[in-house]
Amino acid sequence: MIAMIENINLDELYDLQEKLFKLGMLTTDKDVSDKIYEVLHLVDEGIERKKNAGTN
């Protein structure tokens, strides 16, 4: 999953971050919500890595 996130540009990561957050807020299934937030956390980390590296 991390390798896939590394291949996504920063603008797309921000878009994905927003969509995952909204989806996490909408779901009522705890297991699904937990998985969404796990992926959201990985996306957040990917954004930080790209920002720190100065890459898009």
PDB file of N, CA and C in Angstrom:
ATOM      1  N   MET A   1       0.826  -1.195   0.000  1.00  0.00           N
ATOM      2  CA  MET A   1       0.000   0.000   0.000  1.00  0.00           C
ATOM      3  C   MET A   1       0.867   1.255   0.000  1.00  0.00           C
ATOM      4  N   ILE A   2       1.936   1.250   0.784  1.00  0.00           N
ATOM      5  CA  ILE A   2       2.797   2.432   0.868  1.00  0.00           C
ATOM      6  C   ILE A   2       3.429   2.724  -0.488  1.00  0.00           C
ATOM      7  N   ALA A   3       3.859   1.684  -1.201  1.00  0.00           N
ATOM      8  CA  ALA A   3       4.457   1.884  -2.523  1.00  0.00           C
ATOM      9  C   ALA A   3       3.449   2.495  -3.484  1.00  0.00           C
ATOM     10  N   MET A   4       2.205   2.088  -3.381  1.00  0.00           N
ATOM     11  CA  MET A   4       1.161   2.655  -4.239  1.00  0.00           C
ATOM     12  C   MET A   4       0.968   4.135  -3.927  1.00  0.00           C
ATOM     13  N   ILE A   5       0.976   4.478  -2.661  1.00  0.00           N
ATOM     14  CA  ILE A   5       0.786   5.870  -2.242  1.00  0.00           C
ATOM     15  C   ILE A   5       1.947   6.731  -2.729  1.00  0.00           C
ATOM     16  N   GLU A   6       3.151   6.173  -2.716  1.00  0.00           N
ATOM     17  CA  GLU A   6       4.327   6.923  -3.163  1.00  0.00           C
ATOM     18  C   GLU A   6       4.236   7.295  -4.643  1.00  0.00           C
ATOM     19  N   ASN A   7       3.471   6.536  -5.422  1.00  0.00           N
ATOM     20  CA  ASN A   7       3.345   6.795  -6.857  1.00  0.00           C
ATOM     21  C   ASN A   7       2.253   7.802  -7.192  1.00  0.00           C
ATOM     22  N   ILE A   8       1.539   8.286  -6.203  1.00  0.00           N
ATOM     23  CA  ILE A   8       0.456   9.251  -6.421  1.00  0.00           C
ATOM     24  C   ILE A   8       1.002  10.648  -6.156  1.00  0.00           C
ATOM     25  N   ASN A   9       0.668  11.600  -7.043  1.00  0.00           N
ATOM     26  CA  ASN A   9       1.193  12.956  -6.837  1.00  0.00           C
ATOM     27  C   ASN A   9       0.469  13.642  -5.676  1.00  0.00           C
ATOM     28  N   LEU A  10       1.051  14.719  -5.216  1.00  0.00           N
ATOM     29  CA  LEU A  10       0.588  15.396  -4.007  1.00  0.00           C
ATOM     30  C   LEU A  10      -0.854  15.892  -4.123  1.00  0.00           C
ATOM     31  N   ASP A  11      -1.215  16.467  -5.261  1.00  0.00           N
ATOM     32  CA  ASP A  11      -2.590  16.945  -5.439  1.00  0.00           C
ATOM     33  C   ASP A  11      -3.596  15.808  -5.335  1.00  0.00           C
ATOM     34  N   GLU A  12      -3.264  14.675  -5.940  1.00  0.00           N
ATOM     35  CA  GLU A  12      -4.151  13.516  -5.872  1.00  0.00           C
ATOM     36  C   GLU A  12      -4.223  12.964  -4.454  1.00  0.00           C
ATOM     37  N   LEU A  13      -3.117  13.025  -3.726  1.00  0.00           N
ATOM     38  CA  LEU A  13      -3.129  12.563  -2.338  1.00  0.00           C
ATOM     39  C   LEU A  13      -4.047  13.421  -1.477  1.00  0.00           C
ATOM     40  N   TYR A  14      -4.001  14.737  -1.697  1.00  0.00           N
ATOM     41  CA  TYR A  14      -4.901  15.611  -0.947  1.00  0.00           C
ATOM     42  C   TYR A  14      -6.358  15.301  -1.277  1.00  0.00           C
ATOM     43  N   ASP A  15      -6.639  15.038  -2.547  1.00  0.00           N
ATOM     44  CA  ASP A  15      -7.997  14.692  -2.970  1.00  0.00           C
ATOM     45  C   ASP A  15      -8.428  13.372  -2.332  1.00  0.00           C
ATOM     46  N   LEU A  16      -7.538  12.393  -2.352  1.00  0.00           N
ATOM     47  CA  LEU A  16      -7.819  11.097  -1.744  1.00  0.00           C
ATOM     48  C   LEU A  16      -8.031  11.236  -0.241  1.00  0.00           C
ATOM     49  N   GLN A  17      -7.225  12.053   0.399  1.00  0.00           N
ATOM     50  CA  GLN A  17      -7.343  12.301   1.837  1.00  0.00           C
ATOM     51  C   GLN A  17      -8.738  12.837   2.176  1.00  0.00           C
ATOM     52  N   GLU A  18      -9.180  13.815   1.404  1.00  0.00           N
ATOM     53  CA  GLU A  18     -10.494  14.412   1.645  1.00  0.00           C
ATOM     54  C   GLU A  18     -11.615  13.393   1.452  1.00  0.00           C
ATOM     55  N   LYS A  19     -11.531  12.611   0.389  1.00  0.00           N
ATOM     56  CA  LYS A  19     -12.576  11.622   0.109  1.00  0.00           C
ATOM     57  C   LYS A  19     -12.606  10.521   1.158  1.00  0.00           C
ATOM     58  N   LEU A  20     -11.446  10.055   1.579  1.00  0.00           N
ATOM     59  CA  LEU A  20     -11.401   9.023   2.616  1.00  0.00           C
ATOM     60  C   LEU A  20     -11.981   9.538   3.927  1.00  0.00           C
ATOM     61  N   PHE A  21     -11.660  10.777   4.273  1.00  0.00           N
ATOM     62  CA  PHE A  21     -12.184  11.353   5.505  1.00  0.00           C
ATOM     63  C   PHE A  21     -13.710  11.420   5.456  1.00  0.00           C
ATOM     64  N   LYS A  22     -14.252  11.899   4.341  1.00  0.00           N
ATOM     65  CA  LYS A  22     -15.712  11.987   4.198  1.00  0.00           C
ATOM     66  C   LYS A  22     -16.348  10.606   4.256  1.00  0.00           C
ATOM     67  N   LEU A  23     -15.735   9.647   3.583  1.00  0.00           N
ATOM     68  CA  LEU A  23     -16.257   8.288   3.590  1.00  0.00           C
ATOM     69  C   LEU A  23     -16.224   7.705   4.999  1.00  0.00           C
ATOM     70  N   GLY A  24     -15.147   7.949   5.722  1.00  0.00           N
ATOM     71  CA  GLY A  24     -15.039   7.474   7.097  1.00  0.00           C
ATOM     72  C   GLY A  24     -16.112   8.060   7.994  1.00  0.00           C
ATOM     73  N   MET A  25     -16.472   9.304   7.732  1.00  0.00           N
ATOM     74  CA  MET A  25     -17.514   9.954   8.530  1.00  0.00           C
ATOM     75  C   MET A  25     -18.901   9.401   8.205  1.00  0.00           C
ATOM     76  N   LEU A  26     -19.087   8.931   6.983  1.00  0.00           N
ATOM     77  CA  LEU A  26     -20.407   8.470   6.553  1.00  0.00           C
ATOM     78  C   LEU A  26     -20.714   7.031   6.946  1.00  0.00           C
ATOM     79  N   THR A  27     -19.694   6.204   7.052  1.00  0.00           N
ATOM     80  CA  THR A  27     -19.945   4.789   7.303  1.00  0.00           C
ATOM     81  C   THR A  27     -20.338   4.553   8.760  1.00  0.00           C
ATOM     82  N   THR A  28     -21.216   3.596   8.947  1.00  0.00           N
ATOM     83  CA  THR A  28     -21.649   3.247  10.303  1.00  0.00           C
ATOM     84  C   THR A  28     -21.041   1.927  10.768  1.00  0.00           C
ATOM     85  N   ASP A  29     -20.374   1.223   9.861  1.00  0.00           N
ATOM     86  CA  ASP A  29     -19.744  -0.049  10.193  1.00  0.00           C
ATOM     87  C   ASP A  29     -18.367   0.225  10.796  1.00  0.00           C
ATOM     88  N   LYS A  30     -18.168  -0.197  12.033  1.00  0.00           N
ATOM     89  CA  LYS A  30     -16.917   0.105  12.736  1.00  0.00           C
ATOM     90  C   LYS A  30     -15.704  -0.508  12.050  1.00  0.00           C
ATOM     91  N   ASP A  31     -15.815  -1.741  11.589  1.00  0.00           N
ATOM     92  CA  ASP A  31     -14.680  -2.388  10.931  1.00  0.00           C
ATOM     93  C   ASP A  31     -14.288  -1.658   9.650  1.00  0.00           C
ATOM     94  N   VAL A  32     -15.284  -1.269   8.862  1.00  0.00           N
ATOM     95  CA  VAL A  32     -15.024  -0.533   7.626  1.00  0.00           C
ATOM     96  C   VAL A  32     -14.416   0.822   7.962  1.00  0.00           C
ATOM     97  N   SER A  33     -14.974   1.477   8.945  1.00  0.00           N
ATOM     98  CA  SER A  33     -14.465   2.778   9.364  1.00  0.00           C
ATOM     99  C   SER A  33     -13.008   2.678   9.819  1.00  0.00           C
ATOM    100  N   ASP A  34     -12.689   1.654  10.588  1.00  0.00           N
ATOM    101  CA  ASP A  34     -11.312   1.459  11.055  1.00  0.00           C
ATOM    102  C   ASP A  34     -10.351   1.283   9.886  1.00  0.00           C
ATOM    103  N   LYS A  35     -10.748   0.500   8.890  1.00  0.00           N
ATOM    104  CA  LYS A  35      -9.896   0.281   7.714  1.00  0.00           C
ATOM    105  C   LYS A  35      -9.720   1.574   6.926  1.00  0.00           C
ATOM    106  N   ILE A  36     -10.786   2.333   6.780  1.00  0.00           N
ATOM    107  CA  ILE A  36     -10.701   3.610   6.065  1.00  0.00           C
ATOM    108  C   ILE A  36      -9.714   4.526   6.768  1.00  0.00           C
ATOM    109  N   TYR A  37      -9.795   4.599   8.082  1.00  0.00           N
ATOM    110  CA  TYR A  37      -8.891   5.478   8.822  1.00  0.00           C
ATOM    111  C   TYR A  37      -7.452   4.962   8.821  1.00  0.00           C
ATOM    112  N   GLU A  38      -7.261   3.645   8.707  1.00  0.00           N
ATOM    113  CA  GLU A  38      -5.905   3.105   8.561  1.00  0.00           C
ATOM    114  C   GLU A  38      -5.294   3.587   7.246  1.00  0.00           C
ATOM    115  N   VAL A  39      -6.080   3.504   6.167  1.00  0.00           N
ATOM    116  CA  VAL A  39      -5.603   3.962   4.861  1.00  0.00           C
ATOM    117  C   VAL A  39      -5.407   5.474   4.888  1.00  0.00           C
ATOM    118  N   LEU A  40      -6.308   6.185   5.530  1.00  0.00           N
ATOM    119  CA  LEU A  40      -6.182   7.637   5.644  1.00  0.00           C
ATOM    120  C   LEU A  40      -4.876   8.000   6.353  1.00  0.00           C
ATOM    121  N   HIS A  41      -4.530   7.261   7.370  1.00  0.00           N
ATOM    122  CA  HIS A  41      -3.273   7.500   8.085  1.00  0.00           C
ATOM    123  C   HIS A  41      -2.072   7.303   7.151  1.00  0.00           C
ATOM    124  N   LEU A  42      -2.118   6.266   6.323  1.00  0.00           N
ATOM    125  CA  LEU A  42      -1.037   6.033   5.364  1.00  0.00           C
ATOM    126  C   LEU A  42      -0.953   7.164   4.345  1.00  0.00           C
ATOM    127  N   VAL A  43      -2.102   7.664   3.915  1.00  0.00           N
ATOM    128  CA  VAL A  43      -2.133   8.787   2.976  1.00  0.00           C
ATOM    129  C   VAL A  43      -1.543  10.027   3.645  1.00  0.00           C
ATOM    130  N   ASP A  44      -1.923  10.274   4.892  1.00  0.00           N
ATOM    131  CA  ASP A  44      -1.369  11.415   5.636  1.00  0.00           C
ATOM    132  C   ASP A  44       0.157  11.323   5.716  1.00  0.00           C
ATOM    133  N   GLU A  45       0.660  10.132   6.006  1.00  0.00           N
ATOM    134  CA  GLU A  45       2.109   9.940   6.075  1.00  0.00           C
ATOM    135  C   GLU A  45       2.753  10.173   4.711  1.00  0.00           C
ATOM    136  N   GLY A  46       2.094   9.711   3.651  1.00  0.00           N
ATOM    137  CA  GLY A  46       2.612   9.922   2.299  1.00  0.00           C
ATOM    138  C   GLY A  46       2.674  11.392   1.947  1.00  0.00           C
ATOM    139  N   ILE A  47       1.665  12.142   2.347  1.00  0.00           N
ATOM    140  CA  ILE A  47       1.650  13.589   2.108  1.00  0.00           C
ATOM    141  C   ILE A  47       2.822  14.242   2.829  1.00  0.00           C
ATOM    142  N   GLU A  48       3.021  13.882   4.075  1.00  0.00           N
ATOM    143  CA  GLU A  48       4.125  14.467   4.846  1.00  0.00           C
ATOM    144  C   GLU A  48       5.479  14.129   4.228  1.00  0.00           C
ATOM    145  N   ARG A  49       5.644  12.880   3.782  1.00  0.00           N
ATOM    146  CA  ARG A  49       6.910  12.492   3.153  1.00  0.00           C
ATOM    147  C   ARG A  49       7.161  13.308   1.892  1.00  0.00           C
ATOM    148  N   LYS A  50       6.125  13.477   1.079  1.00  0.00           N
ATOM    149  CA  LYS A  50       6.285  14.246  -0.160  1.00  0.00           C
ATOM    150  C   LYS A  50       6.561  15.714   0.140  1.00  0.00           C
ATOM    151  N   LYS A  51       5.880  16.270   1.137  1.00  0.00           N
ATOM    152  CA  LYS A  51       6.118  17.670   1.491  1.00  0.00           C
ATOM    153  C   LYS A  51       7.541  17.865   2.000  1.00  0.00           C
ATOM    154  N   ASN A  52       8.012  16.952   2.830  1.00  0.00           N
ATOM    155  CA  ASN A  52       9.363  17.054   3.382  1.00  0.00           C
ATOM    156  C   ASN A  52      10.436  16.841   2.318  1.00  0.00           C
ATOM    157  N   ALA A  53      10.125  15.997   1.337  1.00  0.00           N
ATOM    158  CA  ALA A  53      11.090  15.728   0.269  1.00  0.00           C
ATOM    159  C   ALA A  53      11.041  16.798  -0.814  1.00  0.00           C
ATOM    160  N   GLY A  54       9.975  17.585  -0.806  1.00  0.00           N
ATOM    161  CA  GLY A  54       9.828  18.631  -1.811  1.00  0.00           C
ATOM    162  C   GLY A  54       9.484  18.089  -3.182  1.00  0.00           C
ATOM    163  N   THR A  55       8.858  16.906  -3.214  1.00  0.00           N
ATOM    164  CA  THR A  55       8.470  16.314  -4.494  1.00  0.00           C
ATOM    165  C   THR A  55       6.979  16.394  -4.663  1.00  0.00           C
ATOM    166  N   ASN A  56       6.567  16.277  -5.908  1.00  0.00           N
ATOM    167  CA  ASN A  56       5.145  16.291  -6.204  1.00  0.00           C
ATOM    168  C   ASN A  56       4.759  14.884  -6.534  1.00  0.00           C
TER     169      ASN A  56
END
